[in-house]
Amino acid sequence: MFRLGLKQMTPIGARNYATLREIEMRLKSIKNIEKITNTMKIVASTRLNKAQRAMQASRVFHESDSEFIENAELEAKEADKTLLIVVSSDKGLCGSIHTQVSKAARKRIEALGGNVDVVTVGDKVKTQMLRTHDDKLKLSFNGVGKEAPNFNEVALIADEIVKLGTYENTEILYNKFVSGVSFEPTTFGVFAKEAIDSAPGLSKYEIETEETSEIISEFSLANSLLTAMAEGYASEVSARRNAMDNASKNAGEMINSYSILYNRTRQAVITNELVDIITGASSLD
């Protein structure tokens, strides 16, 4: 009878030990994840200050463009075809920031009746746009979002976009930084050479050559892209910091839960072992 009882109890003990070992391994993995998310949160917090400084600097250029548009009395006109430039980045782990700008891009394409050519800046938004509007995508850029954008990088992107041809209406869609916990998809337009030439208030400025309006249009495109990418970068870093903070908190809660489960399971295993020992001793008597 002793041997029969031992055979029946051994699998139960084995399952308890396996469960305890699994809980311990899970607990260690969650602790490692918490270390990673905490580190990423610290890195994002450090980068956020730099990103905000770059964003503030880029806004100065955009304000100059806005002032020119106001003084020259430029007005947006209906166009047969619109160029929509959607700005995002290549990196993830930053919440819903890429999804929101992609949804806004789809809504804008529908609002324009589908007469749109799309340019994407960043692999994340490119991937999402290919799922629904692959026929609209004309050009894409990657390798962006690792650092705060600079004018040289943006100028190269703008030069490639200009090669697509002339569009009467060009819009840039990006994530505007509102606060440390908030951002919103926003658009602003870039005026083409023809719109600048026909502006009523252009006479306020001294135009030396016929190419000046074309240069202004290309420079405005580069300035607008710089602002959009700087705003998007600041929004992304802020969103990543918040996402990693939430992930660290969730990991902490899971660590507490698994620690309690581990202790209870360990106590149960010890109790079962004591019961086995006492039962075996009693049977010998």
C-alpha atoms as a PDB file:
ATOM      1  CA  MET A   1       0.000   0.000   0.000  1.00  0.00           C
ATOM      2  CA  PHE A   2       2.878   2.306   0.686  1.00  0.00           C
ATOM      3  CA  ARG A   3       4.225   1.854  -2.843  1.00  0.00           C
ATOM      4  CA  LEU A   4       0.818   2.373  -4.395  1.00  0.00           C
ATOM      5  CA  GLY A   5       0.244   5.568  -2.441  1.00  0.00           C
ATOM      6  CA  LEU A   6       3.689   6.875  -3.370  1.00  0.00           C
ATOM      7  CA  LYS A   7       3.033   6.328  -7.054  1.00  0.00           C
ATOM      8  CA  GLN A   8      -0.205   8.243  -6.824  1.00  0.00           C
ATOM      9  CA  MET A   9       1.301  11.193  -4.963  1.00  0.00           C
ATOM     10  CA  THR A  10       4.501  11.622  -7.012  1.00  0.00           C
ATOM     11  CA  PRO A  11       2.850  13.114 -10.128  1.00  0.00           C
ATOM     12  CA  ILE A  12       1.028  15.647  -7.973  1.00  0.00           C
ATOM     13  CA  GLY A  13       4.286  16.805  -6.439  1.00  0.00           C
ATOM     14  CA  ALA A  14       5.933  16.920  -9.881  1.00  0.00           C
ATOM     15  CA  ARG A  15       3.158  19.140 -11.222  1.00  0.00           C
ATOM     16  CA  ASN A  16       3.516  21.498  -8.252  1.00  0.00           C
ATOM     17  CA  TYR A  17       7.257  21.790  -8.758  1.00  0.00           C
ATOM     18  CA  ALA A  18       6.783  22.389 -12.514  1.00  0.00           C
ATOM     19  CA  THR A  19       4.186  25.064 -11.830  1.00  0.00           C
ATOM     20  CA  LEU A  20       6.438  26.718  -9.276  1.00  0.00           C
ATOM     21  CA  ARG A  21       9.338  26.686 -11.710  1.00  0.00           C
ATOM     22  CA  GLU A  22       7.157  28.175 -14.453  1.00  0.00           C
ATOM     23  CA  ILE A  23       5.971  30.960 -12.152  1.00  0.00           C
ATOM     24  CA  GLU A  24       9.567  31.724 -11.182  1.00  0.00           C
ATOM     25  CA  MET A  25      10.661  31.911 -14.832  1.00  0.00           C
ATOM     26  CA  ARG A  26       7.696  34.128 -15.713  1.00  0.00           C
ATOM     27  CA  LEU A  27       8.489  36.406 -12.784  1.00  0.00           C
ATOM     28  CA  LYS A  28      12.099  36.774 -13.906  1.00  0.00           C
ATOM     29  CA  SER A  29      11.058  37.575 -17.492  1.00  0.00           C
ATOM     30  CA  ILE A  30       8.612  40.258 -16.310  1.00  0.00           C
ATOM     31  CA  LYS A  31      11.311  41.823 -14.148  1.00  0.00           C
ATOM     32  CA  ASN A  32      13.629  41.922 -17.170  1.00  0.00           C
ATOM     33  CA  ILE A  33      10.893  43.569 -19.239  1.00  0.00           C
ATOM     34  CA  GLU A  34      10.367  46.145 -16.503  1.00  0.00           C
ATOM     35  CA  LYS A  35      14.084  47.008 -16.601  1.00  0.00           C
ATOM     36  CA  ILE A  36      13.920  47.477 -20.370  1.00  0.00           C
ATOM     37  CA  THR A  37      10.808  49.659 -20.294  1.00  0.00           C
ATOM     38  CA  ASN A  38      12.231  51.778 -17.481  1.00  0.00           C
ATOM     39  CA  THR A  39      15.429  52.291 -19.476  1.00  0.00           C
ATOM     40  CA  MET A  40      13.480  53.245 -22.599  1.00  0.00           C
ATOM     41  CA  LYS A  41      11.405  55.672 -20.557  1.00  0.00           C
ATOM     42  CA  ILE A  42      14.563  57.369 -19.231  1.00  0.00           C
ATOM     43  CA  VAL A  43      16.046  57.586 -22.734  1.00  0.00           C
ATOM     44  CA  ALA A  44      12.808  59.061 -24.123  1.00  0.00           C
ATOM     45  CA  SER A  45      12.634  61.602 -21.287  1.00  0.00           C
ATOM     46  CA  THR A  46      16.201  62.677 -22.070  1.00  0.00           C
ATOM     47  CA  ARG A  47      15.482  63.021 -25.795  1.00  0.00           C
ATOM     48  CA  LEU A  48      12.241  64.921 -25.246  1.00  0.00           C
ATOM     49  CA  ASN A  49      14.014  68.116 -24.158  1.00  0.00           C
ATOM     50  CA  LYS A  50      16.166  68.071 -27.299  1.00  0.00           C
ATOM     51  CA  ALA A  51      13.129  67.299 -29.456  1.00  0.00           C
ATOM     52  CA  GLN A  52      11.180  70.214 -27.999  1.00  0.00           C
ATOM     53  CA  ARG A  53      14.075  72.603 -28.654  1.00  0.00           C
ATOM     54  CA  ALA A  54      14.232  71.453 -32.277  1.00  0.00           C
ATOM     55  CA  MET A  55      10.467  71.850 -32.550  1.00  0.00           C
ATOM     56  CA  GLN A  56      10.546  75.414 -31.219  1.00  0.00           C
ATOM     57  CA  ALA A  57      13.343  76.311 -33.654  1.00  0.00           C
ATOM     58  CA  SER A  58      11.406  74.894 -36.623  1.00  0.00           C
ATOM     59  CA  ARG A  59       8.286  76.855 -35.673  1.00  0.00           C
ATOM     60  CA  VAL A  60      10.187  80.089 -36.275  1.00  0.00           C
ATOM     61  CA  PHE A  61      10.662  79.174 -39.952  1.00  0.00           C
ATOM     62  CA  HIS A  62       7.026  78.157 -40.315  1.00  0.00           C
ATOM     63  CA  GLU A  63       5.868  81.409 -38.742  1.00  0.00           C
ATOM     64  CA  SER A  64       7.902  83.291 -41.368  1.00  0.00           C
ATOM     65  CA  ASP A  65       6.135  81.336 -44.115  1.00  0.00           C
ATOM     66  CA  SER A  66       2.756  82.072 -42.525  1.00  0.00           C
ATOM     67  CA  GLU A  67       3.594  85.761 -42.414  1.00  0.00           C
ATOM     68  CA  PHE A  68       4.511  85.756 -46.112  1.00  0.00           C
ATOM     69  CA  ILE A  69       1.277  83.921 -46.996  1.00  0.00           C
ATOM     70  CA  GLU A  70      -0.738  86.488 -45.062  1.00  0.00           C
ATOM     71  CA  ASN A  71       1.029  89.518 -46.541  1.00  0.00           C
ATOM     72  CA  ALA A  72       0.984  88.184 -50.084  1.00  0.00           C
ATOM     73  CA  GLU A  73      -2.723  87.307 -49.656  1.00  0.00           C
ATOM     74  CA  LEU A  74      -2.261  83.777 -50.950  1.00  0.00           C
ATOM     75  CA  GLU A  75      -5.437  81.731 -51.200  1.00  0.00           C
ATOM     76  CA  ALA A  76      -5.953  78.030 -51.672  1.00  0.00           C
ATOM     77  CA  LYS A  77      -7.762  77.117 -54.887  1.00  0.00           C
ATOM     78  CA  GLU A  78      -9.508  73.997 -56.053  1.00  0.00           C
ATOM     79  CA  ALA A  79      -7.116  71.651 -57.796  1.00  0.00           C
ATOM     80  CA  ASP A  80      -7.556  68.670 -60.084  1.00  0.00           C
ATOM     81  CA  LYS A  81      -5.008  66.695 -58.132  1.00  0.00           C
ATOM     82  CA  THR A  82      -3.537  67.077 -54.648  1.00  0.00           C
ATOM     83  CA  LEU A  83      -0.207  65.922 -53.317  1.00  0.00           C
ATOM     84  CA  LEU A  84      -0.617  64.657 -49.745  1.00  0.00           C
ATOM     85  CA  ILE A  85       2.624  64.269 -47.774  1.00  0.00           C
ATOM     86  CA  VAL A  86       2.097  62.134 -44.654  1.00  0.00           C
ATOM     87  CA  VAL A  87       4.846  62.511 -42.062  1.00  0.00           C
ATOM     88  CA  SER A  88       5.641  59.796 -39.524  1.00  0.00           C
ATOM     89  CA  SER A  89       8.770  57.754 -38.708  1.00  0.00           C
ATOM     90  CA  ASP A  90      10.315  54.267 -38.795  1.00  0.00           C
ATOM     91  CA  LYS A  91      10.186  53.499 -35.066  1.00  0.00           C
ATOM     92  CA  GLY A  92       7.432  51.923 -32.995  1.00  0.00           C
ATOM     93  CA  LEU A  93       6.655  51.354 -29.308  1.00  0.00           C
ATOM     94  CA  CYS A  94       5.016  54.782 -29.102  1.00  0.00           C
ATOM     95  CA  GLY A  95       1.324  54.109 -28.677  1.00  0.00           C
ATOM     96  CA  SER A  96      -1.197  55.013 -31.376  1.00  0.00           C
ATOM     97  CA  ILE A  97       0.724  57.908 -32.901  1.00  0.00           C
ATOM     98  CA  HIS A  98       1.272  56.226 -36.291  1.00  0.00           C
ATOM     99  CA  THR A  99      -2.242  54.805 -36.424  1.00  0.00           C
ATOM    100  CA  GLN A 100      -3.874  58.170 -35.817  1.00  0.00           C
ATOM    101  CA  VAL A 101      -1.987  59.977 -38.574  1.00  0.00           C
ATOM    102  CA  SER A 102      -2.742  57.092 -40.968  1.00  0.00           C
ATOM    103  CA  LYS A 103      -6.466  57.280 -40.166  1.00  0.00           C
ATOM    104  CA  ALA A 104      -6.381  61.045 -40.728  1.00  0.00           C
ATOM    105  CA  ALA A 105      -4.663  60.476 -44.085  1.00  0.00           C
ATOM    106  CA  ARG A 106      -7.373  58.027 -45.191  1.00  0.00           C
ATOM    107  CA  LYS A 107     -10.115  60.463 -44.208  1.00  0.00           C
ATOM    108  CA  ARG A 108      -8.380  63.270 -46.094  1.00  0.00           C
ATOM    109  CA  ILE A 109      -8.051  61.123 -49.221  1.00  0.00           C
ATOM    110  CA  GLU A 110     -11.774  60.371 -49.077  1.00  0.00           C
ATOM    111  CA  ALA A 111     -12.588  64.062 -48.544  1.00  0.00           C
ATOM    112  CA  LEU A 112     -10.589  64.978 -51.648  1.00  0.00           C
ATOM    113  CA  GLY A 113     -12.490  62.441 -53.704  1.00  0.00           C
ATOM    114  CA  GLY A 114      -9.525  60.181 -54.259  1.00  0.00           C
ATOM    115  CA  ASN A 115      -7.773  62.595 -56.635  1.00  0.00           C
ATOM    116  CA  VAL A 116      -4.620  62.389 -54.564  1.00  0.00           C
ATOM    117  CA  ASP A 117      -1.017  61.319 -54.892  1.00  0.00           C
ATOM    118  CA  VAL A 118       0.534  60.281 -51.594  1.00  0.00           C
ATOM    119  CA  VAL A 119       4.095  60.646 -50.333  1.00  0.00           C
ATOM    120  CA  THR A 120       5.005  59.014 -47.034  1.00  0.00           C
ATOM    121  CA  VAL A 121       7.851  59.918 -44.705  1.00  0.00           C
ATOM    122  CA  GLY A 122       8.535  56.954 -42.420  1.00  0.00           C
ATOM    123  CA  ASP A 123       8.073  53.197 -42.769  1.00  0.00           C
ATOM    124  CA  LYS A 124       5.271  52.940 -40.203  1.00  0.00           C
ATOM    125  CA  VAL A 125       2.809  55.105 -42.095  1.00  0.00           C
ATOM    126  CA  LYS A 126       3.953  53.630 -45.426  1.00  0.00           C
ATOM    127  CA  THR A 127       3.031  50.123 -44.234  1.00  0.00           C
ATOM    128  CA  GLN A 128      -0.440  51.243 -43.163  1.00  0.00           C
ATOM    129  CA  MET A 129      -1.104  53.248 -46.329  1.00  0.00           C
ATOM    130  CA  LEU A 130      -0.092  50.298 -48.540  1.00  0.00           C
ATOM    131  CA  ARG A 131      -2.914  48.241 -47.011  1.00  0.00           C
ATOM    132  CA  THR A 132      -5.645  50.561 -48.283  1.00  0.00           C
ATOM    133  CA  HIS A 133      -4.213  53.024 -50.842  1.00  0.00           C
ATOM    134  CA  ASP A 134      -1.253  51.342 -52.482  1.00  0.00           C
ATOM    135  CA  ASP A 135      -2.295  52.788 -55.864  1.00  0.00           C
ATOM    136  CA  LYS A 136      -1.977  56.340 -54.498  1.00  0.00           C
ATOM    137  CA  LEU A 137       1.530  55.971 -53.079  1.00  0.00           C
ATOM    138  CA  LYS A 138       4.055  57.629 -55.405  1.00  0.00           C
ATOM    139  CA  LEU A 139       7.096  58.068 -53.184  1.00  0.00           C
ATOM    140  CA  SER A 140       8.260  57.049 -49.726  1.00  0.00           C
ATOM    141  CA  PHE A 141      11.189  57.846 -47.460  1.00  0.00           C
ATOM    142  CA  ASN A 142      12.644  55.851 -44.594  1.00  0.00           C
ATOM    143  CA  GLY A 143      15.555  56.169 -42.199  1.00  0.00           C
ATOM    144  CA  VAL A 144      13.874  59.089 -40.421  1.00  0.00           C
ATOM    145  CA  GLY A 145      12.883  59.655 -36.805  1.00  0.00           C
ATOM    146  CA  LYS A 146      16.068  58.368 -35.187  1.00  0.00           C
ATOM    147  CA  GLU A 147      17.142  61.892 -34.278  1.00  0.00           C
ATOM    148  CA  ALA A 148      15.644  65.368 -34.410  1.00  0.00           C
ATOM    149  CA  PRO A 149      15.393  66.454 -38.090  1.00  0.00           C
ATOM    150  CA  ASN A 150      17.719  69.053 -39.572  1.00  0.00           C
ATOM    151  CA  PHE A 151      17.322  71.276 -42.615  1.00  0.00           C
ATOM    152  CA  ASN A 152      19.894  69.397 -44.727  1.00  0.00           C
ATOM    153  CA  GLU A 153      17.995  66.140 -44.308  1.00  0.00           C
ATOM    154  CA  VAL A 154      14.672  67.801 -45.032  1.00  0.00           C
ATOM    155  CA  ALA A 155      16.024  69.656 -48.096  1.00  0.00           C
ATOM    156  CA  LEU A 156      17.058  66.343 -49.678  1.00  0.00           C
ATOM    157  CA  ILE A 157      13.556  64.975 -49.130  1.00  0.00           C
ATOM    158  CA  ALA A 158      11.992  68.143 -50.563  1.00  0.00           C
ATOM    159  CA  ASP A 159      14.202  67.921 -53.684  1.00  0.00           C
ATOM    160  CA  GLU A 160      12.959  64.396 -54.393  1.00  0.00           C
ATOM    161  CA  ILE A 161       9.326  65.437 -53.896  1.00  0.00           C
ATOM    162  CA  VAL A 162       9.733  68.343 -56.348  1.00  0.00           C
ATOM    163  CA  LYS A 163      10.826  65.850 -59.009  1.00  0.00           C
ATOM    164  CA  LEU A 164       7.332  64.315 -58.971  1.00  0.00           C
ATOM    165  CA  GLY A 165       6.078  67.357 -60.865  1.00  0.00           C
ATOM    166  CA  THR A 166       3.920  70.393 -60.207  1.00  0.00           C
ATOM    167  CA  TYR A 167       0.813  70.146 -58.045  1.00  0.00           C
ATOM    168  CA  GLU A 168      -1.577  73.049 -57.634  1.00  0.00           C
ATOM    169  CA  ASN A 169      -2.375  71.892 -54.120  1.00  0.00           C
ATOM    170  CA  THR A 170       0.135  70.317 -51.724  1.00  0.00           C
ATOM    171  CA  GLU A 171      -0.777  69.372 -48.160  1.00  0.00           C
ATOM    172  CA  ILE A 172       1.399  68.083 -45.346  1.00  0.00           C
ATOM    173  CA  LEU A 173      -0.225  65.884 -42.701  1.00  0.00           C
ATOM    174  CA  TYR A 174       1.651  65.376 -39.438  1.00  0.00           C
ATOM    175  CA  ASN A 175       1.248  64.892 -35.680  1.00  0.00           C
ATOM    176  CA  LYS A 176       1.200  68.275 -33.996  1.00  0.00           C
ATOM    177  CA  PHE A 177       2.699  68.403 -30.513  1.00  0.00           C
ATOM    178  CA  VAL A 178       0.062  69.830 -28.155  1.00  0.00           C
ATOM    179  CA  SER A 179       1.441  68.853 -24.746  1.00  0.00           C
ATOM    180  CA  GLY A 180       3.490  66.157 -23.069  1.00  0.00           C
ATOM    181  CA  VAL A 181       0.484  63.821 -23.110  1.00  0.00           C
ATOM    182  CA  SER A 182      -1.383  65.023 -26.188  1.00  0.00           C
ATOM    183  CA  PHE A 183      -0.890  65.281 -29.949  1.00  0.00           C
ATOM    184  CA  GLU A 184      -3.262  65.636 -32.882  1.00  0.00           C
ATOM    185  CA  PRO A 185      -3.052  65.035 -36.654  1.00  0.00           C
ATOM    186  CA  THR A 186      -2.845  68.415 -38.392  1.00  0.00           C
ATOM    187  CA  THR A 187      -2.425  69.658 -41.955  1.00  0.00           C
ATOM    188  CA  PHE A 188      -1.118  72.772 -43.596  1.00  0.00           C
ATOM    189  CA  GLY A 189      -0.781  73.683 -47.255  1.00  0.00           C
ATOM    190  CA  VAL A 190       2.193  74.575 -49.426  1.00  0.00           C
ATOM    191  CA  PHE A 191       1.539  76.955 -52.306  1.00  0.00           C
ATOM    192  CA  ALA A 192       2.825  76.249 -55.793  1.00  0.00           C
ATOM    193  CA  LYS A 193       4.697  78.703 -58.034  1.00  0.00           C
ATOM    194  CA  GLU A 194       1.545  79.626 -59.999  1.00  0.00           C
ATOM    195  CA  ALA A 195      -0.365  80.499 -56.820  1.00  0.00           C
ATOM    196  CA  ILE A 196       2.482  82.741 -55.654  1.00  0.00           C
ATOM    197  CA  ASP A 197       2.685  84.500 -59.042  1.00  0.00           C
ATOM    198  CA  SER A 198      -1.037  85.288 -58.966  1.00  0.00           C
ATOM    199  CA  ALA A 199      -1.097  86.469 -55.346  1.00  0.00           C
ATOM    200  CA  PRO A 200      -2.585  89.994 -55.049  1.00  0.00           C
ATOM    201  CA  GLY A 201      -0.143  91.108 -52.358  1.00  0.00           C
ATOM    202  CA  LEU A 202       3.019  89.872 -54.083  1.00  0.00           C
ATOM    203  CA  SER A 203       3.788  93.434 -55.186  1.00  0.00           C
ATOM    204  CA  LYS A 204       4.714  94.251 -51.577  1.00  0.00           C
ATOM    205  CA  TYR A 205       7.918  92.280 -52.138  1.00  0.00           C
ATOM    206  CA  GLU A 206      10.730  92.983 -54.569  1.00  0.00           C
ATOM    207  CA  ILE A 207      10.810  90.063 -56.992  1.00  0.00           C
ATOM    208  CA  GLU A 208      14.104  90.140 -58.875  1.00  0.00           C
ATOM    209  CA  THR A 209      13.590  87.275 -61.354  1.00  0.00           C
ATOM    210  CA  GLU A 210      10.804  85.033 -62.591  1.00  0.00           C
ATOM    211  CA  GLU A 211      12.430  82.100 -60.813  1.00  0.00           C
ATOM    212  CA  THR A 212      12.028  83.751 -57.426  1.00  0.00           C
ATOM    213  CA  SER A 213       8.461  82.496 -56.910  1.00  0.00           C
ATOM    214  CA  GLU A 214       9.591  78.955 -57.734  1.00  0.00           C
ATOM    215  CA  ILE A 215      12.433  79.232 -55.225  1.00  0.00           C
ATOM    216  CA  ILE A 216       9.998  80.559 -52.610  1.00  0.00           C
ATOM    217  CA  SER A 217       7.651  77.615 -53.224  1.00  0.00           C
ATOM    218  CA  GLU A 218      10.439  75.026 -52.867  1.00  0.00           C
ATOM    219  CA  PHE A 219      11.862  76.754 -49.810  1.00  0.00           C
ATOM    220  CA  SER A 220       8.396  76.893 -48.252  1.00  0.00           C
ATOM    221  CA  LEU A 221       8.003  73.153 -48.886  1.00  0.00           C
ATOM    222  CA  ALA A 222      11.295  72.449 -47.106  1.00  0.00           C
ATOM    223  CA  ASN A 223      10.382  74.730 -44.181  1.00  0.00           C
ATOM    224  CA  SER A 224       6.972  73.107 -43.829  1.00  0.00           C
ATOM    225  CA  LEU A 225       8.485  69.625 -43.929  1.00  0.00           C
ATOM    226  CA  LEU A 226      11.015  70.618 -41.277  1.00  0.00           C
ATOM    227  CA  THR A 227       8.243  71.863 -39.016  1.00  0.00           C
ATOM    228  CA  ALA A 228       6.107  68.766 -39.617  1.00  0.00           C
ATOM    229  CA  MET A 229       8.977  66.352 -38.954  1.00  0.00           C
ATOM    230  CA  ALA A 230      10.130  68.250 -35.851  1.00  0.00           C
ATOM    231  CA  GLU A 231       6.588  68.348 -34.447  1.00  0.00           C
ATOM    232  CA  GLY A 232       6.132  64.661 -35.275  1.00  0.00           C
ATOM    233  CA  TYR A 233       9.438  63.726 -33.660  1.00  0.00           C
ATOM    234  CA  ALA A 234       8.565  65.562 -30.434  1.00  0.00           C
ATOM    235  CA  SER A 235       5.117  63.929 -30.404  1.00  0.00           C
ATOM    236  CA  GLU A 236       6.637  60.493 -30.982  1.00  0.00           C
ATOM    237  CA  VAL A 237       9.245  60.808 -28.222  1.00  0.00           C
ATOM    238  CA  SER A 238       6.596  62.059 -25.804  1.00  0.00           C
ATOM    239  CA  ALA A 239       4.231  59.211 -26.764  1.00  0.00           C
ATOM    240  CA  ARG A 240       7.030  56.657 -26.343  1.00  0.00           C
ATOM    241  CA  ARG A 241       7.862  57.996 -22.895  1.00  0.00           C
ATOM    242  CA  ASN A 242       4.223  57.715 -21.851  1.00  0.00           C
ATOM    243  CA  ALA A 243       3.900  54.230 -23.377  1.00  0.00           C
ATOM    244  CA  MET A 244       7.017  52.980 -21.580  1.00  0.00           C
ATOM    245  CA  ASP A 245       5.830  54.553 -18.329  1.00  0.00           C
ATOM    246  CA  ASN A 246       2.508  52.712 -18.600  1.00  0.00           C
ATOM    247  CA  ALA A 247       4.303  49.492 -19.543  1.00  0.00           C
ATOM    248  CA  SER A 248       6.566  49.802 -16.490  1.00  0.00           C
ATOM    249  CA  LYS A 249       3.571  50.341 -14.219  1.00  0.00           C
ATOM    250  CA  ASN A 250       1.776  47.320 -15.696  1.00  0.00           C
ATOM    251  CA  ALA A 251       4.918  45.226 -15.288  1.00  0.00           C
ATOM    252  CA  GLY A 252       5.150  46.311 -11.645  1.00  0.00           C
ATOM    253  CA  GLU A 253       1.567  45.230 -11.029  1.00  0.00           C
ATOM    254  CA  MET A 254       2.218  41.873 -12.689  1.00  0.00           C
ATOM    255  CA  ILE A 255       5.370  41.396 -10.596  1.00  0.00           C
ATOM    256  CA  ASN A 256       3.347  41.933  -7.422  1.00  0.00           C
ATOM    257  CA  SER A 257       0.677  39.474  -8.562  1.00  0.00           C
ATOM    258  CA  TYR A 258       3.171  36.810  -9.589  1.00  0.00           C
ATOM    259  CA  SER A 259       5.178  37.284  -6.396  1.00  0.00           C
ATOM    260  CA  ILE A 260       2.067  36.589  -4.331  1.00  0.00           C
ATOM    261  CA  LEU A 261       1.223  33.594  -6.544  1.00  0.00           C
ATOM    262  CA  TYR A 262       4.789  32.297  -6.281  1.00  0.00           C
ATOM    263  CA  ASN A 263       4.778  32.529  -2.475  1.00  0.00           C
ATOM    264  CA  ARG A 264       1.396  30.832  -2.177  1.00  0.00           C
ATOM    265  CA  THR A 265       2.407  28.055  -4.580  1.00  0.00           C
ATOM    266  CA  ARG A 266       5.680  27.550  -2.736  1.00  0.00           C
ATOM    267  CA  GLN A 267       3.833  27.282   0.575  1.00  0.00           C
ATOM    268  CA  ALA A 268       1.430  24.778  -0.988  1.00  0.00           C
ATOM    269  CA  VAL A 269       4.334  22.664  -2.274  1.00  0.00           C
ATOM    270  CA  ILE A 270       5.982  22.666   1.148  1.00  0.00           C
ATOM    271  CA  THR A 271       2.679  21.723   2.783  1.00  0.00           C
ATOM    272  CA  ASN A 272       2.183  18.846   0.325  1.00  0.00           C
ATOM    273  CA  GLU A 273       5.691  17.594   1.033  1.00  0.00           C
ATOM    274  CA  LEU A 274       5.044  17.658   4.768  1.00  0.00           C
ATOM    275  CA  VAL A 275       1.786  15.786   4.242  1.00  0.00           C
ATOM    276  CA  ASP A 276       3.635  13.171   2.169  1.00  0.00           C
ATOM    277  CA  ILE A 277       6.297  12.773   4.863  1.00  0.00           C
ATOM    278  CA  ILE A 278       3.781  12.489   7.678  1.00  0.00           C
ATOM    279  CA  THR A 279       1.618  10.061   5.658  1.00  0.00           C
ATOM    280  CA  GLY A 280       4.626   7.900   4.862  1.00  0.00           C
ATOM    281  CA  ALA A 281       5.771   7.885   8.477  1.00  0.00           C
ATOM    282  CA  SER A 282       2.277   6.975   9.634  1.00  0.00           C
ATOM    283  CA  SER A 283       2.069   4.083   7.193  1.00  0.00           C
ATOM    284  CA  LEU A 284       5.374   2.680   8.491  1.00  0.00           C
ATOM    285  CA  ASP A 285       4.015   2.695  11.987  1.00  0.00           C
END
